[in-house]
Amino acid sequence: MPLLSTLGTGSAKGFGHRKPVRRVNKDLVLHLDPANASCFKSGDTTATNLVTGNSVTGASGTPGTGTHTPNTANFPAYSSSNGGVFDFAGGRGMNVEEDLGSNTSMTIDMWVNKLNDITTDYLTDARNDGGVWFLTNYVSHNINWNSDTAYNFETPYNASANGLLNQWLHIALTGTTGGTGKLYVNGVEVNPYSIQTTMASCKFGKNFRIGTRFTTSAQWAGYMGPIKLYSVELSAGQVRRNFEADRMRFAV
């Protein structure tokens, strides 16, 4: 049974006196938010997908499309800051214990806080089931989706760019297979840096990884807030709505 009703709206700057802004809930396949105790709370070693009720666990090994054996010690800790966030202290990662499907369009929508300028830190990776990767600070790009579309906060590339580190960012990637992807930072579409080619895949599939490589390496060092995956390409206005709904929570 969907568990989204408790997190349907948020407060936002620029909408009068903290007028609630409704998040986009249609066409979600995964929704994680530690601000919702039905998803994750202190002491938990798994999280619950608020769309389906299925589990997200500590990533382990390279399961491919087979059965994943969770590593509870590798699951992020709970932090009460910003209403509740995932703390990937020291580098940790998550594995989604269900098949998220093979889509022709998709959106990845995340609140993230990167704490260092380490390269090849994974936002997501779908290669256990034939999808693609989404990284920070990889091959001279601050945000890089499969080398199909990428963005830099400074020119030339700077792994320690002021716009990237030690702050909360809302990052969204949208696109359709065979089309060109769009990147958004804090609700605004950004111009791709150097590369914008045809999107190779919109597949999430089985054993989708968050904050870690599909082989359980190069794990995220920092924090993550709400994480949403959609089976459609959100419009610019919809991405903006999701940003506005939580921007006060993250003081952006």
C-alpha atoms as a PDB file:
ATOM      1  CA  MET A   1       0.000   0.000   0.000  1.00  0.00           C
ATOM      2  CA  PRO A   2       1.420   3.423  -0.892  1.00  0.00           C
ATOM      3  CA  LEU A   3       2.699   5.394   2.085  1.00  0.00           C
ATOM      4  CA  LEU A   4       3.010   8.784   0.405  1.00  0.00           C
ATOM      5  CA  SER A   5       0.139  10.607   2.056  1.00  0.00           C
ATOM      6  CA  THR A   6       2.150  11.827   5.027  1.00  0.00           C
ATOM      7  CA  LEU A   7       4.646  13.595   2.798  1.00  0.00           C
ATOM      8  CA  GLY A   8       2.485  15.134   0.125  1.00  0.00           C
ATOM      9  CA  THR A   9       3.313  18.789   0.674  1.00  0.00           C
ATOM     10  CA  GLY A  10       6.125  20.992   1.913  1.00  0.00           C
ATOM     11  CA  SER A  11       6.897  24.606   2.696  1.00  0.00           C
ATOM     12  CA  ALA A  12       8.799  26.875   0.354  1.00  0.00           C
ATOM     13  CA  LYS A  13      10.309  30.308   0.058  1.00  0.00           C
ATOM     14  CA  GLY A  14       8.737  32.565  -2.512  1.00  0.00           C
ATOM     15  CA  PHE A  15       5.239  31.139  -2.098  1.00  0.00           C
ATOM     16  CA  GLY A  16       3.754  33.672   0.308  1.00  0.00           C
ATOM     17  CA  HIS A  17       3.719  32.803   3.980  1.00  0.00           C
ATOM     18  CA  ARG A  18       5.176  29.320   3.671  1.00  0.00           C
ATOM     19  CA  LYS A  19       2.327  28.185   1.503  1.00  0.00           C
ATOM     20  CA  PRO A  20       2.510  24.385   1.079  1.00  0.00           C
ATOM     21  CA  VAL A  21       3.807  23.177  -2.271  1.00  0.00           C
ATOM     22  CA  ARG A  22       2.609  19.791  -3.433  1.00  0.00           C
ATOM     23  CA  ARG A  23       5.299  17.393  -4.574  1.00  0.00           C
ATOM     24  CA  VAL A  24       4.872  15.407  -7.763  1.00  0.00           C
ATOM     25  CA  ASN A  25       3.721  11.952  -6.651  1.00  0.00           C
ATOM     26  CA  LYS A  26       2.314  10.560  -9.909  1.00  0.00           C
ATOM     27  CA  ASP A  27       4.470   7.998 -11.768  1.00  0.00           C
ATOM     28  CA  LEU A  28       6.829   7.451  -8.829  1.00  0.00           C
ATOM     29  CA  VAL A  29       8.505   4.046  -8.675  1.00  0.00           C
ATOM     30  CA  LEU A  30      10.725   4.815  -5.669  1.00  0.00           C
ATOM     31  CA  HIS A  31      10.396   7.385  -2.900  1.00  0.00           C
ATOM     32  CA  LEU A  32      12.706   7.453   0.121  1.00  0.00           C
ATOM     33  CA  ASP A  33      12.589  10.160   2.784  1.00  0.00           C
ATOM     34  CA  PRO A  34      14.065   9.832   6.301  1.00  0.00           C
ATOM     35  CA  ALA A  35      11.725  12.597   7.469  1.00  0.00           C
ATOM     36  CA  ASN A  36       8.989   9.965   7.312  1.00  0.00           C
ATOM     37  CA  ALA A  37       9.303   7.325  10.064  1.00  0.00           C
ATOM     38  CA  SER A  38       7.453   4.891   7.799  1.00  0.00           C
ATOM     39  CA  CYS A  39      10.508   5.046   5.542  1.00  0.00           C
ATOM     40  CA  PHE A  40      13.451   5.250   7.947  1.00  0.00           C
ATOM     41  CA  LYS A  41      14.184   6.154  11.555  1.00  0.00           C
ATOM     42  CA  SER A  42      17.029   6.017  14.063  1.00  0.00           C
ATOM     43  CA  GLY A  43      18.373   2.505  14.565  1.00  0.00           C
ATOM     44  CA  ASP A  44      16.995   1.090  11.308  1.00  0.00           C
ATOM     45  CA  THR A  45      19.307  -0.883   9.015  1.00  0.00           C
ATOM     46  CA  THR A  46      16.872  -0.854   6.088  1.00  0.00           C
ATOM     47  CA  ALA A  47      14.536   1.705   4.564  1.00  0.00           C
ATOM     48  CA  THR A  48      11.089   1.304   3.017  1.00  0.00           C
ATOM     49  CA  ASN A  49      10.073   2.437  -0.443  1.00  0.00           C
ATOM     50  CA  LEU A  50       7.104   4.702   0.288  1.00  0.00           C
ATOM     51  CA  VAL A  51       5.548   3.802  -3.076  1.00  0.00           C
ATOM     52  CA  THR A  52       5.530   0.004  -2.823  1.00  0.00           C
ATOM     53  CA  GLY A  53       6.397  -0.855   0.779  1.00  0.00           C
ATOM     54  CA  ASN A  54       9.402  -2.910  -0.348  1.00  0.00           C
ATOM     55  CA  SER A  55      12.837  -2.763   1.274  1.00  0.00           C
ATOM     56  CA  VAL A  56      16.045  -0.893   0.501  1.00  0.00           C
ATOM     57  CA  THR A  57      19.069  -2.471   2.176  1.00  0.00           C
ATOM     58  CA  GLY A  58      22.805  -2.102   2.703  1.00  0.00           C
ATOM     59  CA  ALA A  59      24.575  -2.825  -0.579  1.00  0.00           C
ATOM     60  CA  SER A  60      26.796  -5.881  -0.819  1.00  0.00           C
ATOM     61  CA  GLY A  61      28.729  -7.477  -3.657  1.00  0.00           C
ATOM     62  CA  THR A  62      27.650  -7.527  -7.287  1.00  0.00           C
ATOM     63  CA  PRO A  63      24.281  -9.317  -7.399  1.00  0.00           C
ATOM     64  CA  GLY A  64      23.485  -8.621 -11.037  1.00  0.00           C
ATOM     65  CA  THR A  65      19.821  -9.501 -11.559  1.00  0.00           C
ATOM     66  CA  GLY A  66      19.982 -12.246  -8.947  1.00  0.00           C
ATOM     67  CA  THR A  67      19.265 -12.309  -5.226  1.00  0.00           C
ATOM     68  CA  HIS A  68      21.052  -9.670  -3.176  1.00  0.00           C
ATOM     69  CA  THR A  69      22.493 -10.509   0.253  1.00  0.00           C
ATOM     70  CA  PRO A  70      22.213  -7.306   2.342  1.00  0.00           C
ATOM     71  CA  ASN A  71      25.062  -5.912   4.419  1.00  0.00           C
ATOM     72  CA  THR A  72      23.442  -4.137   7.371  1.00  0.00           C
ATOM     73  CA  ALA A  73      26.746  -2.500   8.341  1.00  0.00           C
ATOM     74  CA  ASN A  74      26.894  -0.779   4.957  1.00  0.00           C
ATOM     75  CA  PHE A  75      23.504   0.908   5.271  1.00  0.00           C
ATOM     76  CA  PRO A  76      23.553   4.680   5.955  1.00  0.00           C
ATOM     77  CA  ALA A  77      22.835   5.846   9.495  1.00  0.00           C
ATOM     78  CA  TYR A  78      19.960   8.087  10.478  1.00  0.00           C
ATOM     79  CA  SER A  79      20.662  11.752  11.224  1.00  0.00           C
ATOM     80  CA  SER A  80      17.968  14.008  12.660  1.00  0.00           C
ATOM     81  CA  SER A  81      19.356  17.109  10.934  1.00  0.00           C
ATOM     82  CA  ASN A  82      17.095  18.797   8.365  1.00  0.00           C
ATOM     83  CA  GLY A  83      14.150  16.813   9.640  1.00  0.00           C
ATOM     84  CA  GLY A  84      15.883  13.501   8.980  1.00  0.00           C
ATOM     85  CA  VAL A  85      18.521  12.503   6.419  1.00  0.00           C
ATOM     86  CA  PHE A  86      20.623   9.510   5.387  1.00  0.00           C
ATOM     87  CA  ASP A  87      24.176   9.781   6.768  1.00  0.00           C
ATOM     88  CA  PHE A  88      26.665   7.960   4.541  1.00  0.00           C
ATOM     89  CA  ALA A  89      29.499   8.525   7.057  1.00  0.00           C
ATOM     90  CA  GLY A  90      32.740   7.038   5.761  1.00  0.00           C
ATOM     91  CA  GLY A  91      31.115   5.932   2.521  1.00  0.00           C
ATOM     92  CA  ARG A  92      28.092   3.613   2.401  1.00  0.00           C
ATOM     93  CA  GLY A  93      25.532   2.513  -0.141  1.00  0.00           C
ATOM     94  CA  MET A  94      22.025   1.149  -0.666  1.00  0.00           C
ATOM     95  CA  ASN A  95      20.497  -1.619  -2.766  1.00  0.00           C
ATOM     96  CA  VAL A  96      16.845  -1.531  -3.867  1.00  0.00           C
ATOM     97  CA  GLU A  97      15.301  -4.954  -3.230  1.00  0.00           C
ATOM     98  CA  GLU A  98      12.786  -4.955  -6.077  1.00  0.00           C
ATOM     99  CA  ASP A  99      12.563  -4.592  -9.836  1.00  0.00           C
ATOM    100  CA  LEU A 100      12.001  -0.895 -10.629  1.00  0.00           C
ATOM    101  CA  GLY A 101      11.284  -1.653 -14.255  1.00  0.00           C
ATOM    102  CA  SER A 102      12.613  -0.850 -17.696  1.00  0.00           C
ATOM    103  CA  ASN A 103      11.321   2.518 -18.808  1.00  0.00           C
ATOM    104  CA  THR A 104      11.657   4.602 -21.957  1.00  0.00           C
ATOM    105  CA  SER A 105      11.576   7.814 -19.896  1.00  0.00           C
ATOM    106  CA  MET A 106      12.712   8.600 -16.376  1.00  0.00           C
ATOM    107  CA  THR A 107      13.566  11.183 -13.734  1.00  0.00           C
ATOM    108  CA  ILE A 108      16.069  10.934 -10.892  1.00  0.00           C
ATOM    109  CA  ASP A 109      15.313  13.547  -8.217  1.00  0.00           C
ATOM    110  CA  MET A 110      17.595  13.810  -5.150  1.00  0.00           C
ATOM    111  CA  TRP A 111      18.662  16.073  -2.302  1.00  0.00           C
ATOM    112  CA  VAL A 112      22.388  15.546  -1.666  1.00  0.00           C
ATOM    113  CA  ASN A 113      25.213  17.033   0.383  1.00  0.00           C
ATOM    114  CA  LYS A 114      28.722  16.071  -0.771  1.00  0.00           C
ATOM    115  CA  LEU A 115      31.354  16.505   1.939  1.00  0.00           C
ATOM    116  CA  ASN A 116      34.609  16.181   0.001  1.00  0.00           C
ATOM    117  CA  ASP A 117      36.151  16.486  -3.453  1.00  0.00           C
ATOM    118  CA  ILE A 118      36.729  12.763  -3.917  1.00  0.00           C
ATOM    119  CA  THR A 119      36.224  11.701  -7.520  1.00  0.00           C
ATOM    120  CA  THR A 120      33.871   8.969  -8.727  1.00  0.00           C
ATOM    121  CA  ASP A 121      31.366   9.307  -5.877  1.00  0.00           C
ATOM    122  CA  TYR A 122      28.187   7.553  -6.969  1.00  0.00           C
ATOM    123  CA  LEU A 123      24.763   9.140  -6.881  1.00  0.00           C
ATOM    124  CA  THR A 124      23.115   6.084  -8.475  1.00  0.00           C
ATOM    125  CA  ASP A 125      24.078   3.054 -10.555  1.00  0.00           C
ATOM    126  CA  ALA A 126      21.737   0.728 -12.474  1.00  0.00           C
ATOM    127  CA  ARG A 127      24.340  -1.518 -14.098  1.00  0.00           C
ATOM    128  CA  ASN A 128      23.343  -4.612 -12.123  1.00  0.00           C
ATOM    129  CA  ASP A 129      20.483  -4.853 -14.630  1.00  0.00           C
ATOM    130  CA  GLY A 130      21.791  -3.171 -17.766  1.00  0.00           C
ATOM    131  CA  GLY A 131      21.232   0.464 -16.832  1.00  0.00           C
ATOM    132  CA  VAL A 132      23.810   3.219 -16.445  1.00  0.00           C
ATOM    133  CA  TRP A 133      25.620   5.331 -13.834  1.00  0.00           C
ATOM    134  CA  PHE A 134      25.244   8.805 -12.315  1.00  0.00           C
ATOM    135  CA  LEU A 135      28.327  10.313 -10.653  1.00  0.00           C
ATOM    136  CA  THR A 136      29.868  13.387  -9.077  1.00  0.00           C
ATOM    137  CA  ASN A 137      33.394  14.511  -9.960  1.00  0.00           C
ATOM    138  CA  TYR A 138      33.997  12.024 -12.746  1.00  0.00           C
ATOM    139  CA  VAL A 139      36.181  12.591 -15.834  1.00  0.00           C
ATOM    140  CA  SER A 140      36.388  16.350 -15.308  1.00  0.00           C
ATOM    141  CA  HIS A 141      32.696  16.925 -14.637  1.00  0.00           C
ATOM    142  CA  ASN A 142      31.106  17.806 -11.292  1.00  0.00           C
ATOM    143  CA  ILE A 143      27.838  16.062 -12.212  1.00  0.00           C
ATOM    144  CA  ASN A 144      28.013  13.366 -14.875  1.00  0.00           C
ATOM    145  CA  TRP A 145      25.278  11.029 -16.098  1.00  0.00           C
ATOM    146  CA  ASN A 146      26.854   8.227 -18.140  1.00  0.00           C
ATOM    147  CA  SER A 147      28.897  10.811 -20.096  1.00  0.00           C
ATOM    148  CA  ASP A 148      25.650  11.568 -21.950  1.00  0.00           C
ATOM    149  CA  THR A 149      25.036  14.827 -20.130  1.00  0.00           C
ATOM    150  CA  ALA A 150      27.141  16.619 -17.522  1.00  0.00           C
ATOM    151  CA  TYR A 151      27.575  19.907 -15.684  1.00  0.00           C
ATOM    152  CA  ASN A 152      30.404  21.871 -14.074  1.00  0.00           C
ATOM    153  CA  PHE A 153      29.958  24.549 -11.425  1.00  0.00           C
ATOM    154  CA  GLU A 154      33.168  26.292 -12.547  1.00  0.00           C
ATOM    155  CA  THR A 155      35.248  26.593 -15.711  1.00  0.00           C
ATOM    156  CA  PRO A 156      37.730  25.016 -15.900  1.00  0.00           C
ATOM    157  CA  TYR A 157      36.591  21.960 -13.978  1.00  0.00           C
ATOM    158  CA  ASN A 158      37.251  22.171 -10.249  1.00  0.00           C
ATOM    159  CA  ALA A 159      36.613  19.120  -8.046  1.00  0.00           C
ATOM    160  CA  SER A 160      36.311  21.480  -5.059  1.00  0.00           C
ATOM    161  CA  ALA A 161      33.943  23.935  -6.739  1.00  0.00           C
ATOM    162  CA  ASN A 162      32.181  26.217  -4.264  1.00  0.00           C
ATOM    163  CA  GLY A 163      28.801  25.361  -5.720  1.00  0.00           C
ATOM    164  CA  LEU A 164      29.228  21.626  -5.131  1.00  0.00           C
ATOM    165  CA  LEU A 165      30.668  20.857  -1.708  1.00  0.00           C
ATOM    166  CA  ASN A 166      29.380  21.085   1.873  1.00  0.00           C
ATOM    167  CA  GLN A 167      25.902  22.307   1.035  1.00  0.00           C
ATOM    168  CA  TRP A 168      22.523  20.872   0.216  1.00  0.00           C
ATOM    169  CA  LEU A 169      21.698  20.637  -3.473  1.00  0.00           C
ATOM    170  CA  HIS A 170      18.588  19.480  -5.248  1.00  0.00           C
ATOM    171  CA  ILE A 171      19.748  17.583  -8.338  1.00  0.00           C
ATOM    172  CA  ALA A 172      17.366  16.234 -10.965  1.00  0.00           C
ATOM    173  CA  LEU A 173      18.027  14.399 -14.211  1.00  0.00           C
ATOM    174  CA  THR A 174      15.237  13.884 -16.733  1.00  0.00           C
ATOM    175  CA  GLY A 175      15.129  12.328 -20.145  1.00  0.00           C
ATOM    176  CA  THR A 176      13.862   9.810 -22.667  1.00  0.00           C
ATOM    177  CA  THR A 177      15.859   7.030 -24.291  1.00  0.00           C
ATOM    178  CA  GLY A 178      17.018   8.295 -27.668  1.00  0.00           C
ATOM    179  CA  GLY A 179      16.577  11.914 -26.595  1.00  0.00           C
ATOM    180  CA  THR A 180      18.876  14.292 -24.752  1.00  0.00           C
ATOM    181  CA  GLY A 181      18.924  14.462 -20.976  1.00  0.00           C
ATOM    182  CA  LYS A 182      18.311  17.583 -18.930  1.00  0.00           C
ATOM    183  CA  LEU A 183      20.048  18.413 -15.655  1.00  0.00           C
ATOM    184  CA  TYR A 184      18.546  20.669 -13.006  1.00  0.00           C
ATOM    185  CA  VAL A 185      20.285  22.127  -9.949  1.00  0.00           C
ATOM    186  CA  ASN A 186      18.089  23.716  -7.277  1.00  0.00           C
ATOM    187  CA  GLY A 187      15.086  23.728  -9.536  1.00  0.00           C
ATOM    188  CA  VAL A 188      16.750  25.395 -12.528  1.00  0.00           C
ATOM    189  CA  GLU A 189      17.864  23.676 -15.720  1.00  0.00           C
ATOM    190  CA  VAL A 190      21.623  24.072 -16.204  1.00  0.00           C
ATOM    191  CA  ASN A 191      23.506  24.153 -19.473  1.00  0.00           C
ATOM    192  CA  PRO A 192      25.332  20.875 -20.054  1.00  0.00           C
ATOM    193  CA  TYR A 193      29.097  21.174 -20.008  1.00  0.00           C
ATOM    194  CA  SER A 194      30.980  19.837 -23.034  1.00  0.00           C
ATOM    195  CA  ILE A 195      28.726  16.871 -23.623  1.00  0.00           C
ATOM    196  CA  GLN A 196      25.063  16.275 -24.316  1.00  0.00           C
ATOM    197  CA  THR A 197      24.523  13.138 -26.358  1.00  0.00           C
ATOM    198  CA  THR A 198      21.664  10.697 -26.855  1.00  0.00           C
ATOM    199  CA  MET A 199      20.575   9.083 -23.596  1.00  0.00           C
ATOM    200  CA  ALA A 200      21.628   5.449 -23.591  1.00  0.00           C
ATOM    201  CA  SER A 201      19.132   4.005 -21.126  1.00  0.00           C
ATOM    202  CA  CYS A 202      16.315   4.947 -18.749  1.00  0.00           C
ATOM    203  CA  LYS A 203      16.280   1.535 -17.065  1.00  0.00           C
ATOM    204  CA  PHE A 204      16.351   1.255 -13.262  1.00  0.00           C
ATOM    205  CA  GLY A 205      15.776  -2.492 -13.129  1.00  0.00           C
ATOM    206  CA  LYS A 206      16.794  -4.917 -10.389  1.00  0.00           C
ATOM    207  CA  ASN A 207      19.285  -4.229  -7.587  1.00  0.00           C
ATOM    208  CA  PHE A 208      19.379  -0.510  -8.342  1.00  0.00           C
ATOM    209  CA  ARG A 209      22.144   1.148  -6.307  1.00  0.00           C
ATOM    210  CA  ILE A 210      22.063   4.480  -4.469  1.00  0.00           C
ATOM    211  CA  GLY A 211      25.297   6.045  -3.242  1.00  0.00           C
ATOM    212  CA  THR A 212      27.471   3.213  -4.485  1.00  0.00           C
ATOM    213  CA  ARG A 213      28.799   1.553  -7.623  1.00  0.00           C
ATOM    214  CA  PHE A 214      27.048  -1.582  -8.841  1.00  0.00           C
ATOM    215  CA  THR A 215      30.070  -3.501  -7.534  1.00  0.00           C
ATOM    216  CA  THR A 216      29.780  -1.873  -4.077  1.00  0.00           C
ATOM    217  CA  SER A 217      32.692   0.556  -4.339  1.00  0.00           C
ATOM    218  CA  ALA A 218      33.272   4.326  -4.718  1.00  0.00           C
ATOM    219  CA  GLN A 219      30.563   4.896  -2.111  1.00  0.00           C
ATOM    220  CA  TRP A 220      28.962   8.227  -1.265  1.00  0.00           C
ATOM    221  CA  ALA A 221      30.611  10.254   1.518  1.00  0.00           C
ATOM    222  CA  GLY A 222      28.057  12.775   2.725  1.00  0.00           C
ATOM    223  CA  TYR A 223      24.310  12.994   3.209  1.00  0.00           C
ATOM    224  CA  MET A 224      21.170  12.383   1.196  1.00  0.00           C
ATOM    225  CA  GLY A 225      17.625  13.556   1.847  1.00  0.00           C
ATOM    226  CA  PRO A 226      14.544  12.657  -0.218  1.00  0.00           C
ATOM    227  CA  ILE A 227      15.259  10.388  -3.178  1.00  0.00           C
ATOM    228  CA  LYS A 228      12.628   9.992  -5.890  1.00  0.00           C
ATOM    229  CA  LEU A 229      12.652   7.949  -9.097  1.00  0.00           C
ATOM    230  CA  TYR A 230       9.960   8.389 -11.738  1.00  0.00           C
ATOM    231  CA  SER A 231       9.038   6.316 -14.785  1.00  0.00           C
ATOM    232  CA  VAL A 232       8.419   9.525 -16.764  1.00  0.00           C
ATOM    233  CA  GLU A 233      10.330  12.653 -17.742  1.00  0.00           C
ATOM    234  CA  LEU A 234       9.180  15.415 -15.398  1.00  0.00           C
ATOM    235  CA  SER A 235       8.663  18.861 -16.864  1.00  0.00           C
ATOM    236  CA  ALA A 236      10.733  21.835 -15.754  1.00  0.00           C
ATOM    237  CA  GLY A 237       7.766  23.054 -13.732  1.00  0.00           C
ATOM    238  CA  GLN A 238       7.398  19.718 -11.951  1.00  0.00           C
ATOM    239  CA  VAL A 239      11.094  19.616 -11.065  1.00  0.00           C
ATOM    240  CA  ARG A 240      10.730  23.127  -9.692  1.00  0.00           C
ATOM    241  CA  ARG A 241       7.765  22.057  -7.584  1.00  0.00           C
ATOM    242  CA  ASN A 242       9.770  19.267  -5.967  1.00  0.00           C
ATOM    243  CA  PHE A 243      12.580  21.699  -5.213  1.00  0.00           C
ATOM    244  CA  GLU A 244      10.271  24.330  -3.746  1.00  0.00           C
ATOM    245  CA  ALA A 245       8.505  21.754  -1.563  1.00  0.00           C
ATOM    246  CA  ASP A 246      11.665  21.007   0.443  1.00  0.00           C
ATOM    247  CA  ARG A 247      13.955  24.009   0.009  1.00  0.00           C
ATOM    248  CA  MET A 248      13.177  25.493   3.431  1.00  0.00           C
ATOM    249  CA  ARG A 249      13.930  22.168   5.088  1.00  0.00           C
ATOM    250  CA  PHE A 250      17.422  22.314   3.575  1.00  0.00           C
ATOM    251  CA  ALA A 251      17.862  26.098   3.927  1.00  0.00           C
ATOM    252  CA  VAL A 252      18.386  26.631   0.209  1.00  0.00           C
END
